[in-house]
Amino acid sequence: MKLINIGFGNMVSANRLVAIVSPESAPIKRIVQEARDKGTLIDATYGRRTRAVIITDSDHVVLSAIQPETVANRFTDTSEDEEELEDE
């Protein structure tokens, strides 16, 4: 199981990610509010501004204080490391 650091030492399973999006649009704000109402919202921002919203295959929504591009780069780096291990 590969884990991705989403800031402040918090990790998310790379296998469970569906999307990493910016929180600016109205539909994403609606998804966050619905997750909050259902109790499936995980706030990993430590009180800072939300910069990325991570949606998992279990319908959990994770808020992160780092940019979506940074999370995506960490995901890509994790995937490349995994491929290198398979080639050896």
C-alpha atoms as a PDB file:
ATOM      1  CA  MET A   1       0.000   0.000   0.000  1.00  0.00           C
ATOM      2  CA  LYS A   2       1.465   3.339  -1.088  1.00  0.00           C
ATOM      3  CA  LEU A   3       0.772   6.422   1.023  1.00  0.00           C
ATOM      4  CA  ILE A   4       0.889  10.028  -0.140  1.00  0.00           C
ATOM      5  CA  ASN A   5       1.823  12.832   2.249  1.00  0.00           C
ATOM      6  CA  ILE A   6      -0.923  15.472   2.112  1.00  0.00           C
ATOM      7  CA  GLY A   7       0.735  17.822   4.584  1.00  0.00           C
ATOM      8  CA  PHE A   8       1.531  17.980   8.290  1.00  0.00           C
ATOM      9  CA  GLY A   9       2.454  14.303   8.354  1.00  0.00           C
ATOM     10  CA  ASN A  10      -0.988  13.175   7.182  1.00  0.00           C
ATOM     11  CA  MET A  11      -1.171  10.386   4.624  1.00  0.00           C
ATOM     12  CA  VAL A  12      -3.746   9.105   2.144  1.00  0.00           C
ATOM     13  CA  SER A  13      -3.662   5.743   0.402  1.00  0.00           C
ATOM     14  CA  ALA A  14      -2.651   6.211  -3.234  1.00  0.00           C
ATOM     15  CA  ASN A  15      -4.818   3.254  -4.269  1.00  0.00           C
ATOM     16  CA  ARG A  16      -7.982   4.932  -2.951  1.00  0.00           C
ATOM     17  CA  LEU A  17      -7.681   8.306  -4.735  1.00  0.00           C
ATOM     18  CA  VAL A  18     -10.314   9.247  -7.272  1.00  0.00           C
ATOM     19  CA  ALA A  19      -9.602  12.974  -7.666  1.00  0.00           C
ATOM     20  CA  ILE A  20      -7.457  15.820  -6.385  1.00  0.00           C
ATOM     21  CA  VAL A  21      -9.205  19.122  -7.065  1.00  0.00           C
ATOM     22  CA  SER A  22      -9.134  22.797  -6.158  1.00  0.00           C
ATOM     23  CA  PRO A  23     -11.809  23.890  -3.648  1.00  0.00           C
ATOM     24  CA  GLU A  24     -12.788  27.054  -5.528  1.00  0.00           C
ATOM     25  CA  SER A  25     -15.745  25.929  -7.663  1.00  0.00           C
ATOM     26  CA  ALA A  26     -19.327  25.739  -6.478  1.00  0.00           C
ATOM     27  CA  PRO A  27     -19.719  21.994  -7.235  1.00  0.00           C
ATOM     28  CA  ILE A  28     -16.645  21.147  -5.130  1.00  0.00           C
ATOM     29  CA  LYS A  29     -17.901  23.362  -2.298  1.00  0.00           C
ATOM     30  CA  ARG A  30     -21.176  21.426  -2.496  1.00  0.00           C
ATOM     31  CA  ILE A  31     -19.316  18.086  -2.335  1.00  0.00           C
ATOM     32  CA  VAL A  32     -17.417  19.286   0.750  1.00  0.00           C
ATOM     33  CA  GLN A  33     -20.626  20.442   2.464  1.00  0.00           C
ATOM     34  CA  GLU A  34     -22.414  17.170   1.679  1.00  0.00           C
ATOM     35  CA  ALA A  35     -19.472  15.185   3.085  1.00  0.00           C
ATOM     36  CA  ARG A  36     -19.527  17.357   6.214  1.00  0.00           C
ATOM     37  CA  ASP A  37     -23.253  16.651   6.636  1.00  0.00           C
ATOM     38  CA  LYS A  38     -22.765  12.883   6.110  1.00  0.00           C
ATOM     39  CA  GLY A  39     -19.774  12.725   8.435  1.00  0.00           C
ATOM     40  CA  THR A  40     -17.344  11.595   5.732  1.00  0.00           C
ATOM     41  CA  LEU A  41     -15.246  14.781   5.696  1.00  0.00           C
ATOM     42  CA  ILE A  42     -11.671  14.579   6.965  1.00  0.00           C
ATOM     43  CA  ASP A  43     -10.098  17.968   7.640  1.00  0.00           C
ATOM     44  CA  ALA A  44      -6.303  17.663   7.485  1.00  0.00           C
ATOM     45  CA  THR A  45      -5.640  21.401   7.140  1.00  0.00           C
ATOM     46  CA  TYR A  46      -4.751  22.058  10.800  1.00  0.00           C
ATOM     47  CA  GLY A  47      -6.749  25.288  10.648  1.00  0.00           C
ATOM     48  CA  ARG A  48      -5.083  26.590   7.534  1.00  0.00           C
ATOM     49  CA  ARG A  49      -6.727  27.517   4.248  1.00  0.00           C
ATOM     50  CA  THR A  50      -7.979  24.573   2.189  1.00  0.00           C
ATOM     51  CA  ARG A  51      -6.016  24.379  -1.053  1.00  0.00           C
ATOM     52  CA  ALA A  52      -6.831  20.854  -2.219  1.00  0.00           C
ATOM     53  CA  VAL A  53      -9.842  18.583  -1.918  1.00  0.00           C
ATOM     54  CA  ILE A  54      -9.088  14.883  -2.213  1.00  0.00           C
ATOM     55  CA  ILE A  55     -11.938  12.545  -3.086  1.00  0.00           C
ATOM     56  CA  THR A  56     -11.567   8.832  -2.378  1.00  0.00           C
ATOM     57  CA  ASP A  57     -13.322   5.782  -3.761  1.00  0.00           C
ATOM     58  CA  SER A  58     -15.066   5.283  -0.397  1.00  0.00           C
ATOM     59  CA  ASP A  59     -16.779   8.705  -0.770  1.00  0.00           C
ATOM     60  CA  HIS A  60     -14.585  10.249   1.918  1.00  0.00           C
ATOM     61  CA  VAL A  61     -13.501  13.808   1.225  1.00  0.00           C
ATOM     62  CA  VAL A  62     -10.150  14.958   2.593  1.00  0.00           C
ATOM     63  CA  LEU A  63      -9.193  18.630   2.885  1.00  0.00           C
ATOM     64  CA  SER A  64      -5.516  19.513   2.549  1.00  0.00           C
ATOM     65  CA  ALA A  65      -3.585  22.764   3.011  1.00  0.00           C
ATOM     66  CA  ILE A  66      -1.172  22.019   0.153  1.00  0.00           C
ATOM     67  CA  GLN A  67      -1.736  22.729  -3.536  1.00  0.00           C
ATOM     68  CA  PRO A  68      -3.384  20.068  -5.746  1.00  0.00           C
ATOM     69  CA  GLU A  69      -0.322  20.122  -8.018  1.00  0.00           C
ATOM     70  CA  THR A  70       1.930  19.263  -5.076  1.00  0.00           C
ATOM     71  CA  VAL A  71      -0.266  16.328  -4.078  1.00  0.00           C
ATOM     72  CA  ALA A  72      -0.354  15.154  -7.700  1.00  0.00           C
ATOM     73  CA  ASN A  73       3.445  15.384  -7.949  1.00  0.00           C
ATOM     74  CA  ARG A  74       3.816  13.315  -4.795  1.00  0.00           C
ATOM     75  CA  PHE A  75       1.390  10.778  -6.253  1.00  0.00           C
ATOM     76  CA  THR A  76       3.393  10.656  -9.496  1.00  0.00           C
ATOM     77  CA  ASP A  77       6.685  10.304  -7.606  1.00  0.00           C
ATOM     78  CA  THR A  78       5.204   7.408  -5.617  1.00  0.00           C
ATOM     79  CA  SER A  79       4.008   5.696  -8.804  1.00  0.00           C
ATOM     80  CA  GLU A  80       7.414   6.082 -10.490  1.00  0.00           C
ATOM     81  CA  ASP A  81       9.187   4.630  -7.435  1.00  0.00           C
ATOM     82  CA  GLU A  82       6.844   1.652  -7.556  1.00  0.00           C
ATOM     83  CA  GLU A  83       7.575   1.057 -11.262  1.00  0.00           C
ATOM     84  CA  GLU A  84      11.320   1.203 -10.640  1.00  0.00           C
ATOM     85  CA  LEU A  85      11.006  -1.452  -7.938  1.00  0.00           C
ATOM     86  CA  GLU A  86       9.030  -3.705 -10.289  1.00  0.00           C
ATOM     87  CA  ASP A  87      11.722  -3.382 -12.987  1.00  0.00           C
ATOM     88  CA  GLU A  88      14.490  -4.580 -10.650  1.00  0.00           C
END
